[in-house]
C-alpha atoms as a PDB file:
ATOM      1  CA  MET A   1     123.918 -14.210  66.772  1.00  0.00           C
ATOM      2  CA  LEU A   2     125.191 -17.366  66.830  1.00  0.00           C
ATOM      3  CA  SER A   3     128.458 -18.352  64.358  1.00  0.00           C
ATOM      4  CA  ASN A   4     128.762 -20.958  61.840  1.00  0.00           C
ATOM      5  CA  THR A   5     131.102 -22.513  64.490  1.00  0.00           C
ATOM      6  CA  LEU A   6     128.099 -23.606  66.387  1.00  0.00           C
ATOM      7  CA  LEU A   7     126.289 -24.687  63.519  1.00  0.00           C
ATOM      8  CA  LEU A   8     129.471 -27.748  62.657  1.00  0.00           C
ATOM      9  CA  HIS A   9     129.975 -28.282  66.823  1.00  0.00           C
ATOM     10  CA  PRO A  10     127.063 -29.909  68.606  1.00  0.00           C
ATOM     11  CA  LEU A  11     126.975 -28.241  72.073  1.00  0.00           C
ATOM     12  CA  ALA A  12     125.562 -29.573  75.220  1.00  0.00           C
ATOM     13  CA  LEU A  13     124.722 -27.733  79.060  1.00  0.00           C
ATOM     14  CA  ARG A  14     125.460 -29.566  81.901  1.00  0.00           C
ATOM     15  CA  GLN A  15     126.183 -30.012  85.331  1.00  0.00           C
ATOM     16  CA  ALA A  16     130.015 -30.402  86.346  1.00  0.00           C
ATOM     17  CA  GLU A  17     131.062 -32.967  88.306  1.00  0.00           C
ATOM     18  CA  PRO A  18     134.283 -34.168  90.154  1.00  0.00           C
ATOM     19  CA  ALA A  19     136.277 -35.328  87.786  1.00  0.00           C
ATOM     20  CA  ASP A  20     135.986 -31.558  85.765  1.00  0.00           C
ATOM     21  CA  LEU A  21     137.935 -29.907  87.759  1.00  0.00           C
ATOM     22  CA  LYS A  22     140.340 -29.763  86.052  1.00  0.00           C
ATOM     23  CA  GLY A  23     139.132 -29.058  82.658  1.00  0.00           C
ATOM     24  CA  VAL A  24     137.642 -26.395  84.494  1.00  0.00           C
ATOM     25  CA  LEU A  25     140.737 -24.858  85.846  1.00  0.00           C
ATOM     26  CA  ARG A  26     142.375 -24.806  82.700  1.00  0.00           C
ATOM     27  CA  LEU A  27     139.544 -22.342  80.664  1.00  0.00           C
ATOM     28  CA  LEU A  28     139.529 -20.864  83.810  1.00  0.00           C
ATOM     29  CA  ALA A  29     143.197 -20.245  84.195  1.00  0.00           C
ATOM     30  CA  ASP A  30     143.631 -19.418  80.506  1.00  0.00           C
ATOM     31  CA  THR A  31     140.622 -16.857  80.672  1.00  0.00           C
ATOM     32  CA  ALA A  32     142.583 -14.965  83.347  1.00  0.00           C
ATOM     33  CA  GLU A  33     145.979 -14.997  82.004  1.00  0.00           C
ATOM     34  CA  TRP A  34     143.796 -13.281  78.500  1.00  0.00           C
ATOM     35  CA  LEU A  35     142.277 -10.811  81.006  1.00  0.00           C
ATOM     36  CA  HIS A  36     145.972  -9.968  82.395  1.00  0.00           C
ATOM     37  CA  THR A  37     147.372  -9.531  79.179  1.00  0.00           C
ATOM     38  CA  ARG A  38     144.914  -6.968  78.647  1.00  0.00           C
ATOM     39  CA  GLY A  39     145.520  -5.369  81.606  1.00  0.00           C
ATOM     40  CA  VAL A  40     142.515  -6.110  83.687  1.00  0.00           C
ATOM     41  CA  ARG A  41     142.788  -7.587  86.597  1.00  0.00           C
ATOM     42  CA  GLN A  42     138.999  -9.398  87.233  1.00  0.00           C
ATOM     43  CA  TRP A  43     140.479 -12.561  88.204  1.00  0.00           C
ATOM     44  CA  PRO A  44     143.650 -13.639  89.574  1.00  0.00           C
ATOM     45  CA  ARG A  45     146.461 -14.750  87.407  1.00  0.00           C
ATOM     46  CA  GLY A  46     146.566 -18.098  86.867  1.00  0.00           C
ATOM     47  CA  GLY A  47     143.380 -18.708  87.451  1.00  0.00           C
ATOM     48  CA  PHE A  48     141.743 -19.350  90.381  1.00  0.00           C
ATOM     49  CA  THR A  49     142.772 -22.055  93.084  1.00  0.00           C
ATOM     50  CA  ALA A  50     141.282 -25.768  93.369  1.00  0.00           C
ATOM     51  CA  ALA A  51     139.211 -24.540  96.760  1.00  0.00           C
ATOM     52  CA  ARG A  52     137.848 -22.029  95.038  1.00  0.00           C
ATOM     53  CA  ILE A  53     136.401 -24.341  92.786  1.00  0.00           C
ATOM     54  CA  GLU A  54     135.078 -27.365  94.211  1.00  0.00           C
ATOM     55  CA  PRO A  55     132.679 -25.869  96.190  1.00  0.00           C
ATOM     56  CA  LEU A  56     130.733 -24.594  92.903  1.00  0.00           C
ATOM     57  CA  ILE A  57     130.868 -28.663  91.754  1.00  0.00           C
ATOM     58  CA  GLU A  58     129.998 -29.867  95.191  1.00  0.00           C
ATOM     59  CA  GLU A  59     126.828 -27.629  95.265  1.00  0.00           C
ATOM     60  CA  ARG A  60     125.484 -28.423  91.865  1.00  0.00           C
ATOM     61  CA  VAL A  61     125.894 -24.590  90.581  1.00  0.00           C
ATOM     62  CA  LEU A  62     128.886 -24.746  88.214  1.00  0.00           C
ATOM     63  CA  TYR A  63     127.305 -25.774  84.803  1.00  0.00           C
ATOM     64  CA  LEU A  64     129.858 -26.717  81.486  1.00  0.00           C
ATOM     65  CA  LEU A  65     129.157 -26.242  77.753  1.00  0.00           C
ATOM     66  CA  ASP A  66     130.698 -29.574  75.824  1.00  0.00           C
ATOM     67  CA  ASP A  67     131.950 -29.968  72.128  1.00  0.00           C
ATOM     68  CA  GLU A  68     130.027 -33.411  71.518  1.00  0.00           C
ATOM     69  CA  LEU A  69     132.253 -33.347  68.798  1.00  0.00           C
ATOM     70  CA  ARG A  70     134.935 -34.222  71.384  1.00  0.00           C
ATOM     71  CA  TYR A  71     133.666 -37.490  72.542  1.00  0.00           C
ATOM     72  CA  LEU A  72     134.324 -38.834  68.990  1.00  0.00           C
ATOM     73  CA  ASP A  73     137.766 -39.209  70.223  1.00  0.00           C
ATOM     74  CA  PRO A  74     138.135 -41.061  73.565  1.00  0.00           C
ATOM     75  CA  ASP A  75     142.058 -39.985  74.119  1.00  0.00           C
ATOM     76  CA  GLU A  76     141.685 -35.964  74.028  1.00  0.00           C
ATOM     77  CA  ASP A  77     141.562 -34.069  77.189  1.00  0.00           C
ATOM     78  CA  ALA A  78     139.571 -31.019  75.961  1.00  0.00           C
ATOM     79  CA  PRO A  79     138.295 -28.201  78.630  1.00  0.00           C
ATOM     80  CA  PRO A  80     135.025 -27.117  78.590  1.00  0.00           C
ATOM     81  CA  VAL A  81     134.137 -24.730  75.733  1.00  0.00           C
ATOM     82  CA  ALA A  82     132.416 -22.418  78.497  1.00  0.00           C
ATOM     83  CA  THR A  83     131.512 -22.169  81.363  1.00  0.00           C
ATOM     84  CA  ILE A  84     129.327 -20.757  84.075  1.00  0.00           C
ATOM     85  CA  ALA A  85     128.535 -21.359  87.820  1.00  0.00           C
ATOM     86  CA  VAL A  86     124.353 -20.170  88.619  1.00  0.00           C
ATOM     87  CA  ASP A  87     123.304 -19.499  92.189  1.00  0.00           C
ATOM     88  CA  GLU A  88     121.581 -17.665  94.565  1.00  0.00           C
ATOM     89  CA  HIS A  89     124.398 -16.414  96.389  1.00  0.00           C
ATOM     90  CA  ALA A  90     124.305 -13.000  96.973  1.00  0.00           C
ATOM     91  CA  ASP A  91     127.727 -11.211  97.653  1.00  0.00           C
ATOM     92  CA  PRO A  92     126.897  -9.836 101.254  1.00  0.00           C
ATOM     93  CA  GLU A  93     129.667  -7.249 100.120  1.00  0.00           C
ATOM     94  CA  PHE A  94     127.645  -6.205  97.033  1.00  0.00           C
ATOM     95  CA  TRP A  95     124.528  -6.675  97.840  1.00  0.00           C
ATOM     96  CA  THR A  96     122.115  -5.484 100.997  1.00  0.00           C
ATOM     97  CA  ARG A  97     118.898  -6.029 102.192  1.00  0.00           C
ATOM     98  CA  ALA A  98     117.653  -3.317 100.227  1.00  0.00           C
ATOM     99  CA  ASP A  99     118.376  -5.083  96.982  1.00  0.00           C
ATOM    100  CA  ASP A 100     116.005  -8.015  97.769  1.00  0.00           C
ATOM    101  CA  PRO A 101     119.041 -10.760  97.389  1.00  0.00           C
ATOM    102  CA  GLY A 102     116.564 -13.660  97.355  1.00  0.00           C
ATOM    103  CA  ALA A 103     114.832 -11.526  94.363  1.00  0.00           C
ATOM    104  CA  ALA A 104     117.531 -12.919  91.548  1.00  0.00           C
ATOM    105  CA  LEU A 105     120.540 -15.394  90.406  1.00  0.00           C
ATOM    106  CA  TYR A 106     123.608 -14.612  90.600  1.00  0.00           C
ATOM    107  CA  VAL A 107     126.382 -15.226  87.866  1.00  0.00           C
ATOM    108  CA  HIS A 108     129.917 -16.428  88.745  1.00  0.00           C
ATOM    109  CA  LYS A 109     132.499 -16.951  86.205  1.00  0.00           C
ATOM    110  CA  LEU A 110     131.587 -17.506  83.447  1.00  0.00           C
ATOM    111  CA  ALA A 111     134.271 -17.726  80.304  1.00  0.00           C
ATOM    112  CA  VAL A 112     134.470 -18.868  77.185  1.00  0.00           C
ATOM    113  CA  ALA A 113     137.093 -20.879  75.541  1.00  0.00           C
ATOM    114  CA  ARG A 114     139.574 -18.075  73.255  1.00  0.00           C
ATOM    115  CA  GLN A 115     138.267 -20.119  70.083  1.00  0.00           C
ATOM    116  CA  TRP A 116     134.905 -20.240  70.526  1.00  0.00           C
ATOM    117  CA  SER A 117     135.287 -15.851  71.336  1.00  0.00           C
ATOM    118  CA  GLY A 118     132.819 -13.905  69.274  1.00  0.00           C
ATOM    119  CA  SER A 119     129.977 -17.453  69.207  1.00  0.00           C
ATOM    120  CA  GLY A 120     127.590 -16.233  71.057  1.00  0.00           C
ATOM    121  CA  LEU A 121     128.008 -18.608  73.919  1.00  0.00           C
ATOM    122  CA  GLY A 122     128.781 -16.421  76.592  1.00  0.00           C
ATOM    123  CA  ASP A 123     124.807 -14.447  75.232  1.00  0.00           C
ATOM    124  CA  ALA A 124     123.123 -17.817  75.529  1.00  0.00           C
ATOM    125  CA  LEU A 125     124.563 -18.801  78.823  1.00  0.00           C
ATOM    126  CA  LEU A 126     123.395 -14.937  80.111  1.00  0.00           C
ATOM    127  CA  ASP A 127     119.916 -15.912  77.943  1.00  0.00           C
ATOM    128  CA  TRP A 128     119.636 -19.862  80.297  1.00  0.00           C
ATOM    129  CA  ALA A 129     120.318 -18.462  83.304  1.00  0.00           C
ATOM    130  CA  GLY A 130     117.506 -15.375  82.793  1.00  0.00           C
ATOM    131  CA  THR A 131     115.048 -18.720  82.138  1.00  0.00           C
ATOM    132  CA  TRP A 132     116.207 -20.155  84.205  1.00  0.00           C
ATOM    133  CA  ALA A 133     115.546 -17.322  87.074  1.00  0.00           C
ATOM    134  CA  CYS A 134     112.323 -17.118  85.818  1.00  0.00           C
ATOM    135  CA  ALA A 135     111.553 -20.837  86.033  1.00  0.00           C
ATOM    136  CA  THR A 136     111.785 -20.272  89.185  1.00  0.00           C
ATOM    137  CA  GLY A 137     109.872 -16.935  90.295  1.00  0.00           C
ATOM    138  CA  ARG A 138     112.208 -14.678  90.773  1.00  0.00           C
ATOM    139  CA  PRO A 139     112.096 -11.369  88.433  1.00  0.00           C
ATOM    140  CA  TRP A 140     115.903 -10.483  88.247  1.00  0.00           C
ATOM    141  CA  LEU A 141     119.401 -12.168  86.947  1.00  0.00           C
ATOM    142  CA  ARG A 142     122.627 -10.439  88.054  1.00  0.00           C
ATOM    143  CA  LEU A 143     126.254 -10.005  88.311  1.00  0.00           C
ATOM    144  CA  ASP A 144     129.147  -8.765  89.631  1.00  0.00           C
ATOM    145  CA  CYS A 145     132.382  -7.602  87.548  1.00  0.00           C
ATOM    146  CA  ALA A 146     135.751  -5.483  87.761  1.00  0.00           C
ATOM    147  CA  LYS A 147     135.256  -1.784  88.098  1.00  0.00           C
ATOM    148  CA  GLY A 148     138.504  -1.553  85.939  1.00  0.00           C
ATOM    149  CA  ASN A 149     136.641  -3.063  83.078  1.00  0.00           C
ATOM    150  CA  PRO A 150     134.846  -0.828  80.701  1.00  0.00           C
ATOM    151  CA  GLY A 151     134.713  -3.037  78.290  1.00  0.00           C
ATOM    152  CA  LEU A 152     133.309  -6.382  79.754  1.00  0.00           C
ATOM    153  CA  GLN A 153     130.795  -3.520  81.570  1.00  0.00           C
ATOM    154  CA  HIS A 154     129.938  -2.311  78.316  1.00  0.00           C
ATOM    155  CA  TYR A 155     128.889  -5.948  77.442  1.00  0.00           C
ATOM    156  CA  TYR A 156     126.602  -6.431  80.052  1.00  0.00           C
ATOM    157  CA  ARG A 157     124.776  -2.934  79.283  1.00  0.00           C
ATOM    158  CA  SER A 158     124.452  -4.480  76.022  1.00  0.00           C
ATOM    159  CA  ARG A 159     123.309  -7.446  76.517  1.00  0.00           C
ATOM    160  CA  GLY A 160     119.880  -6.075  78.887  1.00  0.00           C
ATOM    161  CA  PHE A 161     121.674  -5.419  81.611  1.00  0.00           C
ATOM    162  CA  ARG A 162     121.692  -2.350  83.829  1.00  0.00           C
ATOM    163  CA  HIS A 163     124.404  -1.112  86.120  1.00  0.00           C
ATOM    164  CA  VAL A 164     122.777  -0.718  89.714  1.00  0.00           C
ATOM    165  CA  ARG A 165     126.160   0.590  91.079  1.00  0.00           C
ATOM    166  CA  THR A 166     129.461   0.334  91.765  1.00  0.00           C
ATOM    167  CA  VAL A 167     130.708  -1.105  95.060  1.00  0.00           C
ATOM    168  CA  ASP A 168     134.244   0.429  95.685  1.00  0.00           C
ATOM    169  CA  LEU A 169     136.117  -1.404  98.287  1.00  0.00           C
ATOM    170  CA  PRO A 170     139.739  -1.799  98.031  1.00  0.00           C
ATOM    171  CA  HIS A 171     140.394  -5.222  98.597  1.00  0.00           C
ATOM    172  CA  ARG A 172     137.986  -6.499  96.036  1.00  0.00           C
ATOM    173  CA  SER A 173     138.769  -6.246  92.027  1.00  0.00           C
ATOM    174  CA  SER A 174     134.978  -6.065  91.149  1.00  0.00           C
ATOM    175  CA  GLY A 175     132.414  -4.445  92.029  1.00  0.00           C
ATOM    176  CA  ALA A 176     130.378  -3.260  89.204  1.00  0.00           C
ATOM    177  CA  LEU A 177     126.790  -4.458  89.741  1.00  0.00           C
ATOM    178  CA  PHE A 178     123.979  -5.102  87.058  1.00  0.00           C
ATOM    179  CA  GLN A 179     120.613  -6.966  86.687  1.00  0.00           C
ATOM    180  CA  ARG A 180     118.365  -7.195  83.776  1.00  0.00           C
ATOM    181  CA  ARG A 181     115.233  -8.782  83.986  1.00  0.00           C
ATOM    182  CA  ALA A 182     114.673 -12.329  84.055  1.00  0.00           C
ATOM    183  CA  GLU A 183     113.010 -13.596  80.719  1.00  0.00           C
ATOM    184  CA  ASP A 184     112.168 -17.278  79.176  1.00  0.00           C
ATOM    185  CA  VAL A 185     113.961 -17.327  76.510  1.00  0.00           C
ATOM    186  CA  GLY A 186     114.254 -19.765  73.962  1.00  0.00           C
ATOM    187  CA  ILE A 187     117.209 -21.499  73.865  1.00  0.00           C
ATOM    188  CA  THR A 188     118.811 -22.739  70.772  1.00  0.00           C
ATOM    189  CA  ALA A 189     122.792 -23.144  70.914  1.00  0.00           C
ATOM    190  CA  PHE A 190     123.381 -25.936  73.051  1.00  0.00           C
ATOM    191  CA  ARG A 191     121.439 -28.842  74.375  1.00  0.00           C
ATOM    192  CA  ASP A 192     120.290 -27.955  77.717  1.00  0.00           C
ATOM    193  CA  LEU A 193     121.302 -31.778  79.736  1.00  0.00           C
ATOM    194  CA  THR A 194     119.754 -29.680  83.068  1.00  0.00           C
ATOM    195  CA  VAL A 195     116.388 -30.082  82.128  1.00  0.00           C
ATOM    196  CA  PRO A 196     114.873 -32.862  84.924  1.00  0.00           C
ATOM    197  CA  GLU A 197     113.285 -35.481  82.009  1.00  0.00           C
ATOM    198  CA  LEU A 198     116.177 -35.353  79.617  1.00  0.00           C
ATOM    199  CA  ILE A 199     118.197 -36.407  82.868  1.00  0.00           C
ATOM    200  CA  ALA A 200     116.122 -39.785  83.490  1.00  0.00           C
ATOM    201  CA  VAL A 201     116.122 -40.348  79.651  1.00  0.00           C
END
């Protein structure tokens, strides 16, 4: 269920641009620090390096949710409300040929700013990604998350994801693999500026 915050703050989803790198790194660093305070070692403390995020921007697979009200204050250097990467990259250490890697889109770097936590944006972004997978003819939406984060694993299960298996590699904190059927779901939490006809206007 979406919170009243979303009714007061119009949001828009768009592809990340090179100029967004600083804000994305800040959001991911804040999220990583929050995870560490909860004892979760899913992401590196301090967040990701620019070298890890720049390719996602260059490949046009990283998306940002913006609070459109922030544009009323041109001096405000606000990070995005949320971020998500969605692509065709099946991590070869996790997904095998038997999984038919091409049958899915894969979610990475899903993060929601702490002040927006509980607003339903994570759910909405997962629904958007599933709709996109469905539109491309893929039956699955997949992701991997930390082996030692039962809270996050419960969250994905509660959102219709099925635990496929856990791959326990000593050099990877992630490895709990999840998937759910891709479905065309109506998204009302934000304007989708990634739709080609809207971009062309």
